[in-house]
PDB file of N, CA and C in Angstrom:
ATOM      1  N   MET A   1      94.664 102.940 116.531  1.00  0.00           N
ATOM      2  CA  MET A   1      95.400 104.159 116.248  1.00  0.00           C
ATOM      3  C   MET A   1      96.869 103.803 116.022  1.00  0.00           C
ATOM      4  N   ALA A   2      97.497 104.491 115.111  1.00  0.00           N
ATOM      5  CA  ALA A   2      98.873 104.193 114.730  1.00  0.00           C
ATOM      6  C   ALA A   2      99.911 104.889 115.614  1.00  0.00           C
ATOM      7  N   TYR A   3      99.445 105.785 116.501  1.00  0.00           N
ATOM      8  CA  TYR A   3     100.388 106.484 117.371  1.00  0.00           C
ATOM      9  C   TYR A   3      99.697 106.912 118.657  1.00  0.00           C
ATOM     10  N   VAL A   4     100.505 107.263 119.638  1.00  0.00           N
ATOM     11  CA  VAL A   4      99.999 107.780 120.898  1.00  0.00           C
ATOM     12  C   VAL A   4     100.892 108.941 121.329  1.00  0.00           C
ATOM     13  N   ILE A   5     100.272 110.010 121.820  1.00  0.00           N
ATOM     14  CA  ILE A   5     101.018 111.146 122.361  1.00  0.00           C
ATOM     15  C   ILE A   5     101.266 110.857 123.836  1.00  0.00           C
ATOM     16  N   LEU A   6     102.519 110.958 124.251  1.00  0.00           N
ATOM     17  CA  LEU A   6     102.888 110.688 125.643  1.00  0.00           C
ATOM     18  C   LEU A   6     103.032 111.959 126.465  1.00  0.00           C
ATOM     19  N   ILE A   7     103.658 112.970 125.876  1.00  0.00           N
ATOM     20  CA  ILE A   7     103.934 114.212 126.596  1.00  0.00           C
ATOM     21  C   ILE A   7     103.508 115.389 125.738  1.00  0.00           C
ATOM     22  N   ASP A   8     102.724 116.260 126.320  1.00  0.00           N
ATOM     23  CA  ASP A   8     102.264 117.485 125.675  1.00  0.00           C
ATOM     24  C   ASP A   8     102.988 118.639 126.361  1.00  0.00           C
ATOM     25  N   LEU A   9     104.011 119.180 125.706  1.00  0.00           N
ATOM     26  CA  LEU A   9     104.790 120.255 126.305  1.00  0.00           C
ATOM     27  C   LEU A   9     104.082 121.600 126.240  1.00  0.00           C
ATOM     28  N   LEU A  10     103.105 121.757 125.375  1.00  0.00           N
ATOM     29  CA  LEU A  10     102.338 123.001 125.322  1.00  0.00           C
ATOM     30  C   LEU A  10     101.504 123.177 126.590  1.00  0.00           C
ATOM     31  N   ASP A  11     100.908 122.096 127.044  1.00  0.00           N
ATOM     32  CA  ASP A  11     100.094 122.129 128.256  1.00  0.00           C
ATOM     33  C   ASP A  11     100.845 121.609 129.475  1.00  0.00           C
ATOM     34  N   CYS A  12     102.136 121.281 129.299  1.00  0.00           N
ATOM     35  CA  CYS A  12     102.980 120.791 130.408  1.00  0.00           C
ATOM     36  C   CYS A  12     102.339 119.616 131.137  1.00  0.00           C
ATOM     37  N   LYS A  13     101.962 118.586 130.349  1.00  0.00           N
ATOM     38  CA  LYS A  13     101.348 117.426 130.997  1.00  0.00           C
ATOM     39  C   LYS A  13     101.717 116.134 130.293  1.00  0.00           C
ATOM     40  N   THR A  14     101.698 115.084 131.069  1.00  0.00           N
ATOM     41  CA  THR A  14     101.862 113.734 130.548  1.00  0.00           C
ATOM     42  C   THR A  14     100.474 113.241 130.168  1.00  0.00           C
ATOM     43  N   THR A  15     100.351 112.713 128.960  1.00  0.00           N
ATOM     44  CA  THR A  15      99.042 112.270 128.495  1.00  0.00           C
ATOM     45  C   THR A  15      98.880 110.755 128.502  1.00  0.00           C
ATOM     46  N   ALA A  16      99.994 110.021 128.637  1.00  0.00           N
ATOM     47  CA  ALA A  16      99.943 108.555 128.704  1.00  0.00           C
ATOM     48  C   ALA A  16     101.186 108.064 129.437  1.00  0.00           C
ATOM     49  N   ILE A  17     101.068 106.937 130.068  1.00  0.00           N
ATOM     50  CA  ILE A  17     102.175 106.325 130.788  1.00  0.00           C
ATOM     51  C   ILE A  17     102.789 105.248 129.908  1.00  0.00           C
ATOM     52  N   THR A  18     104.117 105.258 129.794  1.00  0.00           N
ATOM     53  CA  THR A  18     104.818 104.251 128.997  1.00  0.00           C
ATOM     54  C   THR A  18     104.918 102.953 129.795  1.00  0.00           C
ATOM     55  N   THR A  19     104.415 101.898 129.207  1.00  0.00           N
ATOM     56  CA  THR A  19     104.467 100.569 129.817  1.00  0.00           C
ATOM     57  C   THR A  19     105.167  99.628 128.839  1.00  0.00           C
ATOM     58  N   PRO A  20     105.618  98.471 129.301  1.00  0.00           N
ATOM     59  CA  PRO A  20     106.199  97.499 128.370  1.00  0.00           C
ATOM     60  C   PRO A  20     105.238  97.108 127.255  1.00  0.00           C
ATOM     61  N   GLU A  21     103.949  97.019 127.567  1.00  0.00           N
ATOM     62  CA  GLU A  21     102.960  96.677 126.556  1.00  0.00           C
ATOM     63  C   GLU A  21     102.861  97.783 125.500  1.00  0.00           C
ATOM     64  N   MET A  22     102.912  99.036 125.955  1.00  0.00           N
ATOM     65  CA  MET A  22     102.845 100.154 125.016  1.00  0.00           C
ATOM     66  C   MET A  22     104.074 100.153 124.100  1.00  0.00           C
ATOM     67  N   ILE A  23     105.242  99.932 124.667  1.00  0.00           N
ATOM     68  CA  ILE A  23     106.459  99.904 123.861  1.00  0.00           C
ATOM     69  C   ILE A  23     106.393  98.783 122.835  1.00  0.00           C
ATOM     70  N   ALA A  24     105.837  97.644 123.215  1.00  0.00           N
ATOM     71  CA  ALA A  24     105.705  96.533 122.271  1.00  0.00           C
ATOM     72  C   ALA A  24     104.751  96.891 121.130  1.00  0.00           C
ATOM     73  N   HIS A  25     103.673  97.591 121.444  1.00  0.00           N
ATOM     74  CA  HIS A  25     102.688  97.949 120.423  1.00  0.00           C
ATOM     75  C   HIS A  25     103.107  99.173 119.617  1.00  0.00           C
ATOM     76  N   TYR A  26     103.769 100.128 120.270  1.00  0.00           N
ATOM     77  CA  TYR A  26     104.235 101.375 119.640  1.00  0.00           C
ATOM     78  C   TYR A  26     105.754 101.459 119.806  1.00  0.00           C
ATOM     79  N   PRO A  27     106.519 100.740 119.007  1.00  0.00           N
ATOM     80  CA  PRO A  27     107.962 100.636 119.242  1.00  0.00           C
ATOM     81  C   PRO A  27     108.797 101.850 118.814  1.00  0.00           C
ATOM     82  N   TYR A  28     108.222 102.812 118.099  1.00  0.00           N
ATOM     83  CA  TYR A  28     109.025 103.892 117.530  1.00  0.00           C
ATOM     84  C   TYR A  28     108.741 105.240 118.200  1.00  0.00           C
ATOM     85  N   PRO A  29     109.717 105.766 118.966  1.00  0.00           N
ATOM     86  CA  PRO A  29     109.534 107.077 119.580  1.00  0.00           C
ATOM     87  C   PRO A  29     109.643 108.197 118.550  1.00  0.00           C
ATOM     88  N   PHE A  30     108.819 109.213 118.730  1.00  0.00           N
ATOM     89  CA  PHE A  30     108.888 110.386 117.861  1.00  0.00           C
ATOM     90  C   PHE A  30     108.688 111.648 118.686  1.00  0.00           C
ATOM     91  N   ARG A  31     109.007 112.776 118.068  1.00  0.00           N
ATOM     92  CA  ARG A  31     108.695 114.074 118.647  1.00  0.00           C
ATOM     93  C   ARG A  31     108.220 114.997 117.536  1.00  0.00           C
ATOM     94  N   LEU A  32     107.397 115.966 117.909  1.00  0.00           N
ATOM     95  CA  LEU A  32     106.821 116.910 116.965  1.00  0.00           C
ATOM     96  C   LEU A  32     107.319 118.309 117.306  1.00  0.00           C
ATOM     97  N   LEU A  33     107.771 119.035 116.271  1.00  0.00           N
ATOM     98  CA  LEU A  33     108.364 120.352 116.462  1.00  0.00           C
ATOM     99  C   LEU A  33     107.681 121.393 115.592  1.00  0.00           C
ATOM    100  N   ASP A  34     107.814 122.655 116.003  1.00  0.00           N
ATOM    101  CA  ASP A  34     107.312 123.741 115.166  1.00  0.00           C
ATOM    102  C   ASP A  34     108.431 124.242 114.258  1.00  0.00           C
ATOM    103  N   GLY A  35     108.163 125.284 113.484  1.00  0.00           N
ATOM    104  CA  GLY A  35     109.135 125.810 112.532  1.00  0.00           C
ATOM    105  C   GLY A  35     110.376 126.410 113.172  1.00  0.00           C
ATOM    106  N   ASP A  36     110.300 126.771 114.455  1.00  0.00           N
ATOM    107  CA  ASP A  36     111.459 127.299 115.186  1.00  0.00           C
ATOM    108  C   ASP A  36     112.206 126.216 115.935  1.00  0.00           C
ATOM    109  N   ARG A  37     111.857 124.948 115.677  1.00  0.00           N
ATOM    110  CA  ARG A  37     112.478 123.781 116.298  1.00  0.00           C
ATOM    111  C   ARG A  37     112.135 123.630 117.777  1.00  0.00           C
ATOM    112  N   ASN A  38     111.038 124.240 118.202  1.00  0.00           N
ATOM    113  CA  ASN A  38     110.543 124.029 119.564  1.00  0.00           C
ATOM    114  C   ASN A  38     109.783 122.713 119.597  1.00  0.00           C
ATOM    115  N   ILE A  39     110.075 121.894 120.580  1.00  0.00           N
ATOM    116  CA  ILE A  39     109.406 120.599 120.713  1.00  0.00           C
ATOM    117  C   ILE A  39     108.064 120.814 121.395  1.00  0.00           C
ATOM    118  N   TYR A  40     107.004 120.293 120.771  1.00  0.00           N
ATOM    119  CA  TYR A  40     105.656 120.425 121.326  1.00  0.00           C
ATOM    120  C   TYR A  40     105.139 119.129 121.942  1.00  0.00           C
ATOM    121  N   PHE A  41     105.482 117.997 121.322  1.00  0.00           N
ATOM    122  CA  PHE A  41     104.953 116.707 121.769  1.00  0.00           C
ATOM    123  C   PHE A  41     106.007 115.614 121.634  1.00  0.00           C
ATOM    124  N   TYR A  42     105.913 114.619 122.517  1.00  0.00           N
ATOM    125  CA  TYR A  42     106.636 113.355 122.393  1.00  0.00           C
ATOM    126  C   TYR A  42     105.595 112.257 122.314  1.00  0.00           C
ATOM    127  N   GLY A  43     105.889 111.216 121.543  1.00  0.00           N
ATOM    128  CA  GLY A  43     104.963 110.107 121.435  1.00  0.00           C
ATOM    129  C   GLY A  43     105.631 108.856 120.923  1.00  0.00           C
ATOM    130  N   ARG A  44     104.813 107.864 120.623  1.00  0.00           N
ATOM    131  CA  ARG A  44     105.301 106.586 120.083  1.00  0.00           C
ATOM    132  C   ARG A  44     104.369 106.174 118.955  1.00  0.00           C
ATOM    133  N   SER A  45     104.931 105.462 117.972  1.00  0.00           N
ATOM    134  CA  SER A  45     104.184 105.086 116.776  1.00  0.00           C
ATOM    135  C   SER A  45     104.389 103.607 116.458  1.00  0.00           C
ATOM    136  N   THR A  46     103.470 103.076 115.655  1.00  0.00           N
ATOM    137  CA  THR A  46     103.589 101.686 115.206  1.00  0.00           C
ATOM    138  C   THR A  46     104.539 101.551 114.024  1.00  0.00           C
ATOM    139  N   THR A  47     104.891 102.671 113.397  1.00  0.00           N
ATOM    140  CA  THR A  47     105.767 102.650 112.232  1.00  0.00           C
ATOM    141  C   THR A  47     106.600 103.921 112.183  1.00  0.00           C
ATOM    142  N   CYS A  48     107.691 103.865 111.430  1.00  0.00           N
ATOM    143  CA  CYS A  48     108.542 105.057 111.311  1.00  0.00           C
ATOM    144  C   CYS A  48     109.030 105.285 109.882  1.00  0.00           C
ATOM    145  N   ASP A  49     108.544 104.505 108.923  1.00  0.00           N
ATOM    146  CA  ASP A  49     109.124 104.613 107.584  1.00  0.00           C
ATOM    147  C   ASP A  49     108.120 104.418 106.442  1.00  0.00           C
ATOM    148  N   ASP A  50     106.872 104.794 106.681  1.00  0.00           N
ATOM    149  CA  ASP A  50     105.885 104.734 105.606  1.00  0.00           C
ATOM    150  C   ASP A  50     104.921 105.911 105.762  1.00  0.00           C
ATOM    151  N   GLU A  51     103.878 105.949 104.961  1.00  0.00           N
ATOM    152  CA  GLU A  51     102.933 107.070 105.013  1.00  0.00           C
ATOM    153  C   GLU A  51     102.283 107.224 106.387  1.00  0.00           C
ATOM    154  N   GLU A  52     102.025 106.110 107.052  1.00  0.00           N
ATOM    155  CA  GLU A  52     101.385 106.147 108.371  1.00  0.00           C
ATOM    156  C   GLU A  52     102.278 106.831 109.408  1.00  0.00           C
ATOM    157  N   ALA A  53     103.578 106.869 109.174  1.00  0.00           N
ATOM    158  CA  ALA A  53     104.506 107.532 110.099  1.00  0.00           C
ATOM    159  C   ALA A  53     104.289 109.044 110.143  1.00  0.00           C
ATOM    160  N   PHE A  54     103.608 109.591 109.126  1.00  0.00           N
ATOM    161  CA  PHE A  54     103.301 111.022 109.103  1.00  0.00           C
ATOM    162  C   PHE A  54     102.012 111.361 109.856  1.00  0.00           C
ATOM    163  N   ALA A  55     101.265 110.364 110.305  1.00  0.00           N
ATOM    164  CA  ALA A  55      99.985 110.604 110.972  1.00  0.00           C
ATOM    165  C   ALA A  55     100.097 111.550 112.173  1.00  0.00           C
ATOM    166  N   PRO A  56     101.109 111.407 113.037  1.00  0.00           N
ATOM    167  CA  PRO A  56     101.200 112.365 114.147  1.00  0.00           C
ATOM    168  C   PRO A  56     101.382 113.806 113.663  1.00  0.00           C
ATOM    169  N   LEU A  57     102.163 113.992 112.613  1.00  0.00           N
ATOM    170  CA  LEU A  57     102.377 115.338 112.085  1.00  0.00           C
ATOM    171  C   LEU A  57     101.100 115.886 111.454  1.00  0.00           C
ATOM    172  N   ASP A  58     100.365 115.042 110.759  1.00  0.00           N
ATOM    173  CA  ASP A  58      99.099 115.484 110.178  1.00  0.00           C
ATOM    174  C   ASP A  58      98.175 116.026 111.264  1.00  0.00           C
ATOM    175  N   TRP A  59      98.108 115.336 112.391  1.00  0.00           N
ATOM    176  CA  TRP A  59      97.297 115.799 113.504  1.00  0.00           C
ATOM    177  C   TRP A  59      97.857 117.090 114.108  1.00  0.00           C
ATOM    178  N   ALA A  60      99.170 117.113 114.367  1.00  0.00           N
ATOM    179  CA  ALA A  60      99.793 118.242 115.068  1.00  0.00           C
ATOM    180  C   ALA A  60      99.850 119.511 114.217  1.00  0.00           C
ATOM    181  N   LYS A  61      99.847 119.388 112.898  1.00  0.00           N
ATOM    182  CA  LYS A  61      99.786 120.577 112.040  1.00  0.00           C
ATOM    183  C   LYS A  61      98.512 121.350 112.321  1.00  0.00           C
ATOM    184  N   VAL A  62      97.412 120.641 112.366  1.00  0.00           N
ATOM    185  CA  VAL A  62      96.111 121.271 112.588  1.00  0.00           C
ATOM    186  C   VAL A  62      95.968 121.703 114.048  1.00  0.00           C
ATOM    187  N   ASP A  63      96.368 120.839 114.966  1.00  0.00           N
ATOM    188  CA  ASP A  63      96.182 121.102 116.393  1.00  0.00           C
ATOM    189  C   ASP A  63      97.075 122.227 116.908  1.00  0.00           C
ATOM    190  N   SER A  64      98.364 122.228 116.486  1.00  0.00           N
ATOM    191  CA  SER A  64      99.330 123.120 117.136  1.00  0.00           C
ATOM    192  C   SER A  64     100.294 123.821 116.190  1.00  0.00           C
ATOM    193  N   GLY A  65     100.170 123.609 114.903  1.00  0.00           N
ATOM    194  CA  GLY A  65     101.069 124.255 113.953  1.00  0.00           C
ATOM    195  C   GLY A  65     102.438 123.609 113.838  1.00  0.00           C
ATOM    196  N   CYS A  66     102.543 122.347 114.190  1.00  0.00           N
ATOM    197  CA  CYS A  66     103.832 121.653 114.052  1.00  0.00           C
ATOM    198  C   CYS A  66     104.181 121.493 112.574  1.00  0.00           C
ATOM    199  N   THR A  67     105.480 121.495 112.287  1.00  0.00           N
ATOM    200  CA  THR A  67     105.942 121.391 110.908  1.00  0.00           C
ATOM    201  C   THR A  67     106.864 120.196 110.672  1.00  0.00           C
ATOM    202  N   THR A  68     107.327 119.558 111.742  1.00  0.00           N
ATOM    203  CA  THR A  68     108.300 118.474 111.605  1.00  0.00           C
ATOM    204  C   THR A  68     107.998 117.347 112.572  1.00  0.00           C
ATOM    205  N   VAL A  69     108.153 116.110 112.079  1.00  0.00           N
ATOM    206  CA  VAL A  69     108.145 114.938 112.948  1.00  0.00           C
ATOM    207  C   VAL A  69     109.518 114.300 112.836  1.00  0.00           C
ATOM    208  N   GLU A  70     110.092 113.949 113.978  1.00  0.00           N
ATOM    209  CA  GLU A  70     111.397 113.282 114.018  1.00  0.00           C
ATOM    210  C   GLU A  70     111.246 111.968 114.768  1.00  0.00           C
ATOM    211  N   TYR A  71     111.880 110.935 114.231  1.00  0.00           N
ATOM    212  CA  TYR A  71     111.887 109.624 114.868  1.00  0.00           C
ATOM    213  C   TYR A  71     113.287 109.337 115.393  1.00  0.00           C
ATOM    214  N   ARG A  72     113.366 108.638 116.514  1.00  0.00           N
ATOM    215  CA  ARG A  72     114.655 108.287 117.107  1.00  0.00           C
ATOM    216  C   ARG A  72     115.213 107.061 116.391  1.00  0.00           C
ATOM    217  N   ASP A  73     116.497 107.142 116.017  1.00  0.00           N
ATOM    218  CA  ASP A  73     117.131 106.000 115.355  1.00  0.00           C
ATOM    219  C   ASP A  73     117.756 105.071 116.393  1.00  0.00           C
ATOM    220  N   ASP A  74     118.416 104.020 115.928  1.00  0.00           N
ATOM    221  CA  ASP A  74     119.000 103.015 116.819  1.00  0.00           C
ATOM    222  C   ASP A  74     120.110 103.569 117.699  1.00  0.00           C
ATOM    223  N   TRP A  75     120.672 104.717 117.350  1.00  0.00           N
ATOM    224  CA  TRP A  75     121.765 105.317 118.117  1.00  0.00           C
ATOM    225  C   TRP A  75     121.281 106.432 119.035  1.00  0.00           C
ATOM    226  N   GLY A  76     119.978 106.672 119.060  1.00  0.00           N
ATOM    227  CA  GLY A  76     119.412 107.673 119.936  1.00  0.00           C
ATOM    228  C   GLY A  76     119.334 109.067 119.346  1.00  0.00           C
ATOM    229  N   ASP A  77     119.655 109.213 118.059  1.00  0.00           N
ATOM    230  CA  ASP A  77     119.572 110.507 117.391  1.00  0.00           C
ATOM    231  C   ASP A  77     118.169 110.713 116.840  1.00  0.00           C
ATOM    232  N   TRP A  78     117.725 111.968 116.804  1.00  0.00           N
ATOM    233  CA  TRP A  78     116.428 112.308 116.222  1.00  0.00           C
ATOM    234  C   TRP A  78     116.606 112.618 114.758  1.00  0.00           C
ATOM    235  N   ILE A  79     115.888 111.893 113.911  1.00  0.00           N
ATOM    236  CA  ILE A  79     116.003 112.024 112.452  1.00  0.00           C
ATOM    237  C   ILE A  79     114.673 112.520 111.883  1.00  0.00           C
ATOM    238  N   PRO A  80     114.686 113.654 111.155  1.00  0.00           N
ATOM    239  CA  PRO A  80     113.427 114.113 110.550  1.00  0.00           C
ATOM    240  C   PRO A  80     112.933 113.149 109.487  1.00  0.00           C
ATOM    241  N   LEU A  81     111.626 112.988 109.448  1.00  0.00           N
ATOM    242  CA  LEU A  81     111.044 112.096 108.450  1.00  0.00           C
ATOM    243  C   LEU A  81     110.820 112.850 107.171  1.00  0.00           C
TER     244      LEU A  81
END
């Protein structure tokens, strides 16, 4: 899988624990938001700059109606893809 969901804010639960191994395999943090900019999920991905980087959004559109995926840049800012 190209990504993992860590925190599900809709259900108020942690779905995975971040470990050094996970960070090495999934180095790019992301978050998924709805059209009102409410954050629904946090996760990590294997990529942040190609078609596969949209995979979390493809899932979250169907699952929860998310409209935006943002990846964290080197300065800690969230940048929409």
